[in-house]
Amino acid sequence: MGNRNHLKSARRTIKIEAKGLENLSNNLTKDFNTVCDYLAKTRGKIITIGIGKSGHIAQKVSATLSSTGSPSSFINAAEALHGDAGGIAKNDSVLIFSHSGQSEEIIELFPFLKSLGCKYFSITGSQESFIAKNAQINIDTGISEEACPLDLAPTTSTTAALAIGDAIAIALLESKGFKKDDFAKSHPGGKLGKRLIINVEDLMAKGKDLPKVSPTTSLSETLIEISSKGLGVSLVIKNKSLMGIFTDGDLRRTLNSQSNPLDEKISKFMTKKTKTISQDSLAIDALEIMQANKIYTLAVVDIHNKPVGVIRMHDLIEAGLV
């Protein structure tokens, strides 16, 4: 067992599946267009149905459809026969997944789908199967070889069915003009969603929590302000205009170069060329500016370029954006 070449086996599997996907891409017909056109016009949901391995694929495709702007639900074919078919409405479109095209549980659903009057399409590996012949439109995966050397375990066939499902989801996404903002609305809890919806204003220190001093404030008074606000930084503001910023790094440089700096004005030690970001920018944009300039703090300004806050790398980390 220890001498088996698992890497060779893995490469063989991937090559077979890749060949299957290439053939699938080349053999797609206008039926794919027609199915997508019907699905795009669906007034209800896109219901995916399958059982066994095909059921797992159908469930994943349903999740992808929902997350990319096409409301969808998955129904296990066996459960549909015992009540879950009630979740299918006339205005829905049904997408059936069955490699063999002969799954009895799905075949038993056809009289119900016909009587309901909804649109129903199939994705199968056999155009001669009952499901392929009785669906309103069938998309053939055309898989001739499973990666399983016994030709038993669904491998290439499930990969092909998943690829078709993804292709449908992306085609619908593009036809609907689905954007990043739309994607974020359906992913509010994940890192990607957060990156697309959280603004700088949501995370910045502002108002009474904003550390700020004037250019004539002494270093000692500035340190008291920094300590009281607990952010390790202070903006330097004159007549509502940003003059500079004083950070922990500025303090270290000051102490290394000055013997008695505490009574000196903070304008002498502050960083004058301050990096800023607009309060209505995405927080992820603040992260990119910090990383590009190797800094950990940004001054935040409003639409009139007036300082209104401070955002730190620590704030982005706590928000789960890093």
Protein backbone atom coordinates (compact mmCIF):
# COMPACT_ATOMS: atom_id res chain seq x y z
CA MET A 1 0.00 0.00 0.00
CA GLY A 2 2.85 2.37 0.86
CA ASN A 3 4.31 1.95 -2.64
CA ARG A 4 1.18 3.02 -4.51
CA ASN A 5 1.57 6.17 -6.59
CA HIS A 6 -1.39 8.24 -5.38
CA LEU A 7 -0.12 11.27 -7.25
CA LYS A 8 -0.32 9.36 -10.52
CA SER A 9 -3.87 8.31 -9.68
CA ALA A 10 -4.85 11.89 -8.85
CA ARG A 11 -3.47 13.22 -12.12
CA ARG A 12 -5.30 10.54 -14.08
CA THR A 13 -8.58 11.41 -12.34
CA ILE A 14 -8.19 15.14 -12.95
CA LYS A 15 -7.23 14.62 -16.61
CA ILE A 16 -10.27 12.43 -17.24
CA GLU A 17 -12.59 14.94 -15.61
CA ALA A 18 -10.93 17.84 -17.45
CA LYS A 19 -11.40 16.01 -20.75
CA GLY A 20 -15.03 15.43 -19.88
CA LEU A 21 -15.55 19.16 -19.20
CA GLU A 22 -13.82 20.10 -22.46
CA ASN A 23 -16.11 17.76 -24.40
CA LEU A 24 -19.10 19.17 -22.53
CA SER A 25 -18.16 22.72 -23.48
CA ASN A 26 -17.73 21.78 -27.13
CA ASN A 27 -20.98 19.83 -27.31
CA LEU A 28 -23.36 22.33 -25.69
CA THR A 29 -26.24 23.21 -28.01
CA LYS A 30 -28.75 26.03 -28.35
CA ASP A 31 -30.87 24.14 -25.83
CA PHE A 32 -28.65 25.66 -23.15
CA ASN A 33 -29.62 29.15 -24.39
CA THR A 34 -33.29 28.24 -24.40
CA VAL A 35 -33.20 26.86 -20.86
CA CYS A 36 -31.41 29.97 -19.58
CA ASP A 37 -33.94 32.22 -21.32
CA TYR A 38 -36.81 30.43 -19.58
CA LEU A 39 -35.04 30.47 -16.22
CA ALA A 40 -34.29 34.19 -16.53
CA LYS A 41 -38.00 34.87 -17.02
CA THR A 42 -39.07 32.76 -14.06
CA ARG A 43 -41.48 34.75 -11.89
CA GLY A 44 -41.16 32.36 -8.97
CA LYS A 45 -38.17 30.33 -7.84
CA ILE A 46 -35.85 27.97 -9.65
CA ILE A 47 -36.40 24.60 -7.97
CA THR A 48 -33.57 22.09 -8.29
CA ILE A 49 -34.41 18.42 -7.83
CA GLY A 50 -32.20 15.36 -7.51
CA ILE A 51 -31.47 12.29 -5.41
CA GLY A 52 -28.25 10.61 -4.29
CA LYS A 53 -25.06 12.14 -5.72
CA SER A 54 -27.11 14.13 -8.24
CA GLY A 55 -29.10 15.46 -5.30
CA HIS A 56 -25.92 16.82 -3.72
CA ILE A 57 -25.09 18.57 -6.99
CA ALA A 58 -28.62 19.96 -7.28
CA GLN A 59 -28.42 21.32 -3.74
CA LYS A 60 -25.13 23.07 -4.42
CA VAL A 61 -26.40 24.56 -7.68
CA SER A 62 -29.48 25.87 -5.87
CA ALA A 63 -27.24 27.62 -3.34
CA THR A 64 -25.16 29.15 -6.13
CA LEU A 65 -28.26 30.39 -7.94
CA SER A 66 -29.64 32.04 -4.82
CA SER A 67 -26.35 33.74 -4.03
CA THR A 68 -26.05 35.16 -7.54
CA GLY A 69 -29.48 36.75 -7.85
CA SER A 70 -31.73 33.86 -8.92
CA PRO A 71 -33.93 32.79 -5.97
CA SER A 72 -33.81 29.02 -5.70
CA SER A 73 -34.70 26.07 -3.47
CA PHE A 74 -33.58 22.44 -3.50
CA ILE A 75 -36.02 19.56 -3.07
CA ASN A 76 -34.90 15.97 -2.60
CA ALA A 77 -36.87 13.83 -5.05
CA ALA A 78 -37.76 11.20 -2.44
CA GLU A 79 -39.01 13.85 -0.02
CA ALA A 80 -40.96 15.50 -2.83
CA LEU A 81 -43.05 12.34 -3.15
CA HIS A 82 -44.02 12.65 0.50
CA GLY A 83 -45.08 16.26 0.75
CA ASP A 84 -42.18 18.49 -0.28
CA ALA A 85 -43.61 18.78 -3.82
CA GLY A 86 -45.96 21.29 -2.24
CA GLY A 87 -43.02 23.68 -2.32
CA ILE A 88 -43.24 23.88 -6.11
CA ALA A 89 -45.59 26.49 -7.60
CA LYS A 90 -46.87 27.10 -11.13
CA ASN A 91 -44.68 30.18 -11.51
CA ASP A 92 -41.54 28.22 -10.59
CA SER A 93 -39.12 26.57 -13.01
CA VAL A 94 -37.77 23.12 -12.16
CA LEU A 95 -34.23 21.98 -12.93
CA ILE A 96 -33.85 18.19 -12.63
CA PHE A 97 -30.45 16.54 -12.08
CA SER A 98 -30.11 12.81 -12.87
CA HIS A 99 -27.10 11.25 -14.54
CA SER A 100 -28.85 8.01 -15.46
CA GLY A 101 -32.08 9.78 -16.32
CA GLN A 102 -33.90 6.81 -14.87
CA SER A 103 -34.26 7.72 -11.18
CA GLU A 104 -37.63 6.27 -10.16
CA GLU A 105 -38.32 8.93 -7.53
CA ILE A 106 -37.95 11.64 -10.18
CA ILE A 107 -39.93 9.77 -12.82
CA GLU A 108 -42.84 9.54 -10.38
CA LEU A 109 -42.86 13.35 -10.12
CA PHE A 110 -43.54 13.95 -13.83
CA PRO A 111 -47.34 13.61 -13.65
CA PHE A 112 -47.35 16.19 -10.85
CA LEU A 113 -45.11 18.62 -12.76
CA LYS A 114 -47.27 18.30 -15.89
CA SER A 115 -50.49 18.89 -13.97
CA LEU A 116 -48.97 21.88 -12.16
CA GLY A 117 -48.13 23.62 -15.42
CA CYS A 118 -44.64 24.82 -14.44
CA LYS A 119 -41.59 24.71 -16.68
CA TYR A 120 -39.31 21.73 -16.04
CA PHE A 121 -35.93 20.95 -17.57
CA SER A 122 -33.39 18.19 -17.01
CA ILE A 123 -29.64 17.67 -16.97
CA THR A 124 -28.81 14.03 -17.66
CA GLY A 125 -26.06 11.84 -19.03
CA SER A 126 -28.37 9.92 -21.35
CA GLN A 127 -30.55 11.49 -24.02
CA GLU A 128 -32.39 8.19 -24.40
CA SER A 129 -33.50 8.08 -20.78
CA PHE A 130 -37.07 8.60 -19.61
CA ILE A 131 -36.25 11.87 -17.84
CA ALA A 132 -34.41 13.30 -20.85
CA LYS A 133 -37.24 12.39 -23.22
CA ASN A 134 -40.03 13.67 -20.96
CA ALA A 135 -38.49 16.91 -19.74
CA GLN A 136 -39.48 19.96 -21.77
CA ILE A 137 -35.79 20.48 -22.60
CA ASN A 138 -32.84 18.24 -21.70
CA ILE A 139 -29.20 19.29 -21.48
CA ASP A 140 -26.92 16.33 -22.15
CA THR A 141 -23.68 16.14 -20.17
CA GLY A 142 -22.34 13.64 -22.72
CA ILE A 143 -19.90 11.92 -20.36
CA SER A 144 -18.37 8.77 -21.86
CA GLU A 145 -15.93 7.87 -19.07
CA GLU A 146 -16.06 8.12 -15.31
CA ALA A 147 -12.76 8.76 -13.54
CA CYS A 148 -13.57 5.79 -11.31
CA PRO A 149 -11.57 2.83 -12.77
CA LEU A 150 -14.55 0.57 -12.01
CA ASP A 151 -16.82 2.96 -13.94
CA LEU A 152 -19.18 2.84 -10.99
CA ALA A 153 -18.70 5.84 -8.67
CA PRO A 154 -20.11 9.07 -10.17
CA THR A 155 -17.07 11.26 -10.72
CA THR A 156 -16.77 12.84 -14.16
CA SER A 157 -20.56 12.83 -14.47
CA THR A 158 -21.13 14.76 -11.24
CA THR A 159 -18.37 17.19 -12.12
CA ALA A 160 -20.07 17.81 -15.48
CA ALA A 161 -23.49 18.30 -13.87
CA LEU A 162 -22.00 20.76 -11.41
CA ALA A 163 -20.27 22.63 -14.24
CA ILE A 164 -23.57 22.91 -16.13
CA GLY A 165 -25.27 24.23 -12.99
CA ASP A 166 -22.52 26.81 -12.48
CA ALA A 167 -22.69 27.78 -16.14
CA ILE A 168 -26.43 28.38 -15.83
CA ALA A 169 -25.97 30.45 -12.67
CA ILE A 170 -23.29 32.65 -14.25
CA ALA A 171 -25.28 33.06 -17.49
CA LEU A 172 -28.26 34.27 -15.44
CA LEU A 173 -26.02 36.52 -13.34
CA GLU A 174 -24.68 38.18 -16.47
CA SER A 175 -28.10 38.54 -18.09
CA LYS A 176 -29.45 40.27 -14.98
CA GLY A 177 -26.50 42.63 -14.66
CA PHE A 178 -25.79 41.28 -11.18
CA LYS A 179 -23.08 43.43 -9.49
CA LYS A 180 -20.76 43.24 -6.50
CA ASP A 181 -23.21 45.22 -4.38
CA ASP A 182 -25.96 42.72 -5.18
CA PHE A 183 -23.68 39.84 -4.25
CA ALA A 184 -22.83 41.50 -0.94
CA LYS A 185 -26.51 41.76 0.00
CA SER A 186 -26.81 37.99 -0.05
CA HIS A 187 -23.50 37.46 1.78
CA PRO A 188 -23.66 39.91 4.71
CA GLY A 189 -21.95 37.59 7.18
CA GLY A 190 -18.99 36.32 5.19
CA LYS A 191 -15.65 38.06 4.71
CA LEU A 192 -16.42 38.77 1.07
CA GLY A 193 -19.78 40.29 1.95
CA LYS A 194 -18.24 42.43 4.66
CA ARG A 195 -15.63 43.71 2.23
CA LEU A 196 -18.37 44.84 -0.11
CA ILE A 197 -20.75 46.51 2.34
CA ILE A 198 -18.78 47.90 5.30
CA ASN A 199 -17.82 51.56 4.87
CA VAL A 200 -15.05 53.48 6.60
CA GLU A 201 -17.69 55.45 8.52
CA ASP A 202 -18.96 52.21 10.06
CA LEU A 203 -15.59 51.54 11.75
CA MET A 204 -13.87 54.88 12.29
CA ALA A 205 -13.47 56.68 15.61
CA LYS A 206 -15.43 59.93 15.50
CA GLY A 207 -17.08 62.61 17.59
CA LYS A 208 -16.06 62.59 21.23
CA ASP A 209 -13.96 59.45 20.65
CA LEU A 210 -11.78 61.18 18.06
CA PRO A 211 -8.37 62.24 19.43
CA LYS A 212 -7.48 65.68 18.12
CA VAL A 213 -5.24 68.61 19.06
CA SER A 214 -4.21 71.93 17.52
CA PRO A 215 -0.76 72.57 15.99
CA THR A 216 0.22 74.66 19.04
CA THR A 217 -0.61 71.91 21.53
CA SER A 218 2.47 70.67 23.37
CA LEU A 219 3.73 67.13 22.97
CA SER A 220 2.92 66.40 26.63
CA GLU A 221 -0.70 67.55 26.19
CA THR A 222 -0.95 65.57 22.97
CA LEU A 223 0.17 62.43 24.79
CA ILE A 224 -2.55 63.00 27.38
CA GLU A 225 -5.13 63.29 24.58
CA ILE A 226 -3.83 60.10 22.91
CA SER A 227 -3.87 58.23 26.20
CA SER A 228 -7.40 59.35 27.09
CA LYS A 229 -8.84 58.23 23.73
CA GLY A 230 -6.85 54.99 23.65
CA LEU A 231 -6.20 54.88 19.91
CA GLY A 232 -2.45 55.48 19.88
CA VAL A 233 -2.83 58.42 17.52
CA SER A 234 -4.09 61.99 17.31
CA LEU A 235 -5.11 64.24 14.43
CA VAL A 236 -3.69 67.74 14.34
CA ILE A 237 -6.42 70.16 13.29
CA LYS A 238 -6.51 73.94 12.76
CA ASN A 239 -9.70 75.79 11.84
CA LYS A 240 -11.38 72.49 10.92
CA SER A 241 -8.56 71.69 8.47
CA LEU A 242 -6.26 68.69 8.79
CA MET A 243 -2.67 69.83 9.38
CA GLY A 244 -1.13 66.45 10.23
CA ILE A 245 -1.22 63.32 12.34
CA PHE A 246 0.81 62.14 15.31
CA THR A 247 1.24 58.40 15.82
CA ASP A 248 3.17 56.01 18.05
CA GLY A 249 5.79 55.88 15.32
CA ASP A 250 6.18 59.66 15.41
CA LEU A 251 6.60 59.47 19.19
CA ARG A 252 9.39 56.90 18.94
CA ARG A 253 11.19 58.97 16.33
CA THR A 254 10.81 62.10 18.47
CA LEU A 255 12.17 60.48 21.62
CA ASN A 256 15.13 59.07 19.69
CA SER A 257 16.07 62.46 18.23
CA GLN A 258 15.08 65.01 20.93
CA SER A 259 16.33 65.42 24.51
CA ASN A 260 13.47 67.45 26.06
CA PRO A 261 10.55 67.49 23.59
CA LEU A 262 7.55 67.46 25.97
CA ASP A 263 7.04 71.23 25.97
CA GLU A 264 7.55 71.63 22.23
CA LYS A 265 4.60 72.22 19.89
CA ILE A 266 3.21 69.07 18.27
CA SER A 267 3.48 70.73 14.83
CA LYS A 268 7.21 70.17 15.09
CA PHE A 269 6.86 66.39 15.34
CA MET A 270 3.67 65.50 13.49
CA THR A 271 3.56 63.81 10.09
CA LYS A 272 2.44 66.55 7.71
CA LYS A 273 1.80 64.53 4.57
CA THR A 274 -1.12 62.64 6.03
CA LYS A 275 -2.78 59.82 4.10
CA THR A 276 -6.56 60.25 4.09
CA ILE A 277 -9.65 58.41 2.97
CA SER A 278 -13.25 59.51 2.45
CA GLN A 279 -15.76 58.42 5.10
CA ASP A 280 -18.05 56.91 2.45
CA SER A 281 -15.29 54.72 0.97
CA LEU A 282 -15.35 50.97 1.52
CA ALA A 283 -13.35 49.87 4.53
CA ILE A 284 -11.46 47.45 2.29
CA ASP A 285 -10.14 50.50 0.39
CA ALA A 286 -8.64 51.75 3.66
CA LEU A 287 -6.89 48.40 4.06
CA GLU A 288 -5.39 48.66 0.58
CA ILE A 289 -4.06 52.18 1.26
CA MET A 290 -2.53 51.09 4.57
CA GLN A 291 -0.87 48.04 3.03
CA ALA A 292 0.46 50.00 0.05
CA ASN A 293 2.01 52.69 2.30
CA LYS A 294 3.00 50.37 5.18
CA ILE A 295 1.03 52.39 7.72
CA TYR A 296 -1.55 51.41 10.32
CA THR A 297 -3.74 54.54 10.58
CA LEU A 298 -5.65 56.80 8.19
CA ALA A 299 -7.29 60.15 8.76
CA VAL A 300 -10.89 60.15 7.54
CA VAL A 301 -12.35 63.18 5.75
CA ASP A 302 -15.85 64.19 4.62
CA ILE A 303 -16.97 65.33 1.17
CA HIS A 304 -15.54 68.80 1.92
CA ASN A 305 -12.17 67.25 2.81
CA LYS A 306 -12.64 68.14 6.48
CA PRO A 307 -11.28 65.68 9.08
CA VAL A 308 -14.07 63.67 10.74
CA GLY A 309 -12.44 60.50 12.02
CA VAL A 310 -9.62 57.99 12.30
CA ILE A 311 -9.55 54.38 11.11
CA ARG A 312 -6.86 51.91 12.13
CA MET A 313 -5.66 48.53 10.94
CA HIS A 314 -6.85 47.19 14.29
CA ASP A 315 -10.41 48.27 13.44
CA LEU A 316 -10.27 46.37 10.15
CA ILE A 317 -8.96 43.25 11.84
CA GLU A 318 -11.69 43.37 14.50
CA ALA A 319 -14.32 43.71 11.75
CA GLY A 320 -13.05 40.53 10.10
CA LEU A 321 -11.80 42.22 6.94
CA VAL A 322 -8.22 41.02 7.28
